[in-house]
Amino acid sequence: MSLDTILILATTAFLYNTVVFCVYWRDKQAARDGNWRVKESTLLLLAFAGGGPGAFTAQKLLRHKTRKPPFPVALPFFVVLQIAIVIVLITTPESFVAIWRSIALW
C-alpha cells in the first residue's frame, strides 16, 4: 500500500470520526435542551461503521451515553475491533484483501 493511500485513508478516518464526535455532541446538546434527539440506533451505527474512536471519545469527554446500555460495552468493543482491523490492514494487507474478497462473494 502506497504512502499516499495510507494518508488518504488516515485523513478520511480522522474526518469521519470528527463528524461522529460532532453528532454525539449535538445529541448531548439536544438532550440538555429538550430538543429532537439522534436515534440511538444511528449513534451505534455511526460508531460501528468506523466511528468507534470518535464516539468513544465523545462518550468520555462529553459524559454522554455512559450508562445507557449497550453504549458502555459497545463503544469500547467497536474501538478495539477497529484497531484490530487497522493492525491487520497494516501488517498483512494481502490477508485483509483476501478476507474482504471472500466476504464480498457472499
C-alpha atoms as a PDB file:
ATOM      1  CA  MET A   1       0.000   0.000   0.000  1.00  0.00           C
ATOM      2  CA  SER A   2       1.456   3.343  -1.004  1.00  0.00           C
ATOM      3  CA  LEU A   3       2.065   6.206   1.384  1.00  0.00           C
ATOM      4  CA  ASP A   4      -0.479   8.318  -0.498  1.00  0.00           C
ATOM      5  CA  THR A   5      -3.148   5.672   0.034  1.00  0.00           C
ATOM      6  CA  ILE A   6      -2.334   5.431   3.728  1.00  0.00           C
ATOM      7  CA  LEU A   7      -2.534   9.215   4.118  1.00  0.00           C
ATOM      8  CA  ILE A   8      -5.861   9.364   2.301  1.00  0.00           C
ATOM      9  CA  LEU A   9      -7.293   6.569   4.474  1.00  0.00           C
ATOM     10  CA  ALA A  10      -5.976   8.139   7.691  1.00  0.00           C
ATOM     11  CA  THR A  11      -7.362  11.560   6.758  1.00  0.00           C
ATOM     12  CA  THR A  12     -10.725  10.059   5.837  1.00  0.00           C
ATOM     13  CA  ALA A  13     -10.875   8.139   9.123  1.00  0.00           C
ATOM     14  CA  PHE A  14      -9.954  11.257  11.097  1.00  0.00           C
ATOM     15  CA  LEU A  15     -12.601  13.377   9.357  1.00  0.00           C
ATOM     16  CA  TYR A  16     -15.273  10.695   9.738  1.00  0.00           C
ATOM     17  CA  ASN A  17     -14.520  10.312  13.452  1.00  0.00           C
ATOM     18  CA  THR A  18     -14.675  14.089  13.844  1.00  0.00           C
ATOM     19  CA  VAL A  19     -18.146  14.049  12.267  1.00  0.00           C
ATOM     20  CA  VAL A  20     -19.209  11.195  14.585  1.00  0.00           C
ATOM     21  CA  PHE A  21     -17.921  13.144  17.601  1.00  0.00           C
ATOM     22  CA  CYS A  22     -19.950  16.163  16.460  1.00  0.00           C
ATOM     23  CA  VAL A  23     -23.105  14.055  16.071  1.00  0.00           C
ATOM     24  CA  TYR A  24     -22.689  12.792  19.640  1.00  0.00           C
ATOM     25  CA  TRP A  25     -22.042  16.369  20.810  1.00  0.00           C
ATOM     26  CA  ARG A  26     -25.199  17.569  19.051  1.00  0.00           C
ATOM     27  CA  ASP A  27     -27.207  14.779  20.659  1.00  0.00           C
ATOM     28  CA  LYS A  28     -25.816  15.734  24.069  1.00  0.00           C
ATOM     29  CA  GLN A  29     -26.833  19.366  23.483  1.00  0.00           C
ATOM     30  CA  ALA A  30     -30.299  18.267  22.364  1.00  0.00           C
ATOM     31  CA  ALA A  31     -30.657  16.144  25.498  1.00  0.00           C
ATOM     32  CA  ARG A  32     -29.777  19.128  27.678  1.00  0.00           C
ATOM     33  CA  ASP A  33     -32.129  21.470  25.814  1.00  0.00           C
ATOM     34  CA  GLY A  34     -35.011  19.014  25.450  1.00  0.00           C
ATOM     35  CA  ASN A  35     -34.839  19.113  21.649  1.00  0.00           C
ATOM     36  CA  TRP A  36     -35.020  16.454  18.942  1.00  0.00           C
ATOM     37  CA  ARG A  37     -32.501  13.662  19.562  1.00  0.00           C
ATOM     38  CA  VAL A  38     -30.472  11.426  17.295  1.00  0.00           C
ATOM     39  CA  LYS A  39     -31.762   7.835  17.343  1.00  0.00           C
ATOM     40  CA  GLU A  40     -29.643   5.503  19.442  1.00  0.00           C
ATOM     41  CA  SER A  41     -29.514   3.058  16.541  1.00  0.00           C
ATOM     42  CA  THR A  42     -27.993   5.824  14.396  1.00  0.00           C
ATOM     43  CA  LEU A  43     -25.398   6.630  17.038  1.00  0.00           C
ATOM     44  CA  LEU A  44     -24.447   2.962  17.287  1.00  0.00           C
ATOM     45  CA  LEU A  45     -24.326   2.545  13.502  1.00  0.00           C
ATOM     46  CA  LEU A  46     -22.025   5.558  13.144  1.00  0.00           C
ATOM     47  CA  ALA A  47     -19.718   4.095  15.790  1.00  0.00           C
ATOM     48  CA  PHE A  48     -19.777   0.616  14.255  1.00  0.00           C
ATOM     49  CA  ALA A  49     -19.134   1.906  10.731  1.00  0.00           C
ATOM     50  CA  GLY A  50     -15.654   3.178  11.588  1.00  0.00           C
ATOM     51  CA  GLY A  51     -16.527   5.936  14.043  1.00  0.00           C
ATOM     52  CA  GLY A  52     -15.717   3.998  17.207  1.00  0.00           C
ATOM     53  CA  PRO A  53     -12.860   6.272  18.308  1.00  0.00           C
ATOM     54  CA  GLY A  54     -14.923   9.430  17.746  1.00  0.00           C
ATOM     55  CA  ALA A  55     -17.933   8.003  19.574  1.00  0.00           C
ATOM     56  CA  PHE A  56     -15.824   6.673  22.449  1.00  0.00           C
ATOM     57  CA  THR A  57     -14.005  10.000  22.781  1.00  0.00           C
ATOM     58  CA  ALA A  58     -17.338  11.837  22.833  1.00  0.00           C
ATOM     59  CA  GLN A  59     -18.669   9.427  25.441  1.00  0.00           C
ATOM     60  CA  LYS A  60     -15.713  10.115  27.728  1.00  0.00           C
ATOM     61  CA  LEU A  61     -15.229  13.851  27.139  1.00  0.00           C
ATOM     62  CA  LEU A  62     -18.913  14.814  26.999  1.00  0.00           C
ATOM     63  CA  ARG A  63     -20.092  12.219  29.521  1.00  0.00           C
ATOM     64  CA  HIS A  64     -22.733  11.157  27.033  1.00  0.00           C
ATOM     65  CA  LYS A  65     -24.264   7.667  26.865  1.00  0.00           C
ATOM     66  CA  THR A  66     -22.022   6.472  29.679  1.00  0.00           C
ATOM     67  CA  ARG A  67     -24.637   4.340  31.467  1.00  0.00           C
ATOM     68  CA  LYS A  68     -27.284   3.602  28.837  1.00  0.00           C
ATOM     69  CA  PRO A  69     -26.998   0.047  27.509  1.00  0.00           C
ATOM     70  CA  PRO A  70     -25.476  -1.015  25.149  1.00  0.00           C
ATOM     71  CA  PHE A  71     -23.187   2.039  24.841  1.00  0.00           C
ATOM     72  CA  PRO A  72     -20.786   1.318  27.758  1.00  0.00           C
ATOM     73  CA  VAL A  73     -19.953  -2.081  26.246  1.00  0.00           C
ATOM     74  CA  ALA A  74     -20.487  -1.458  22.522  1.00  0.00           C
ATOM     75  CA  LEU A  75     -18.329   1.645  22.073  1.00  0.00           C
ATOM     76  CA  PRO A  76     -15.143   0.203  23.625  1.00  0.00           C
ATOM     77  CA  PHE A  77     -15.755  -3.027  21.684  1.00  0.00           C
ATOM     78  CA  PHE A  78     -16.046  -1.089  18.409  1.00  0.00           C
ATOM     79  CA  VAL A  79     -12.792   0.755  19.136  1.00  0.00           C
ATOM     80  CA  VAL A  80     -10.919  -2.499  19.839  1.00  0.00           C
ATOM     81  CA  LEU A  81     -12.412  -4.125  16.746  1.00  0.00           C
ATOM     82  CA  GLN A  82     -11.483  -1.165  14.539  1.00  0.00           C
ATOM     83  CA  ILE A  83      -7.940  -1.008  15.935  1.00  0.00           C
ATOM     84  CA  ALA A  84      -7.553  -4.746  15.248  1.00  0.00           C
ATOM     85  CA  ILE A  85      -8.717  -4.216  11.662  1.00  0.00           C
ATOM     86  CA  VAL A  86      -6.199  -1.406  11.185  1.00  0.00           C
ATOM     87  CA  ILE A  87      -3.399  -3.566  12.606  1.00  0.00           C
ATOM     88  CA  VAL A  88      -4.282  -6.425  10.234  1.00  0.00           C
ATOM     89  CA  LEU A  89      -4.531  -3.990   7.336  1.00  0.00           C
ATOM     90  CA  ILE A  90      -1.100  -2.529   8.066  1.00  0.00           C
ATOM     91  CA  THR A  91       0.749  -5.729   8.900  1.00  0.00           C
ATOM     92  CA  THR A  92      -0.767  -8.082   6.327  1.00  0.00           C
ATOM     93  CA  PRO A  93      -2.639  -6.126   3.677  1.00  0.00           C
ATOM     94  CA  GLU A  94      -2.848  -9.157   1.381  1.00  0.00           C
ATOM     95  CA  SER A  95      -4.695 -11.131   4.085  1.00  0.00           C
ATOM     96  CA  PHE A  96      -7.106  -8.282   4.590  1.00  0.00           C
ATOM     97  CA  VAL A  97      -7.810  -8.094   0.854  1.00  0.00           C
ATOM     98  CA  ALA A  98      -8.390 -11.865   0.724  1.00  0.00           C
ATOM     99  CA  ILE A  99     -10.823 -11.697   3.654  1.00  0.00           C
ATOM    100  CA  TRP A 100     -12.607  -8.728   2.098  1.00  0.00           C
ATOM    101  CA  ARG A 101     -12.986 -10.539  -1.211  1.00  0.00           C
ATOM    102  CA  SER A 102     -14.354 -13.650   0.465  1.00  0.00           C
ATOM    103  CA  ILE A 103     -16.924 -11.554   2.336  1.00  0.00           C
ATOM    104  CA  ALA A 104     -17.894  -9.714  -0.844  1.00  0.00           C
ATOM    105  CA  LEU A 105     -18.644 -13.015  -2.567  1.00  0.00           C
ATOM    106  CA  TRP A 106     -21.361 -13.916  -0.047  1.00  0.00           C
END
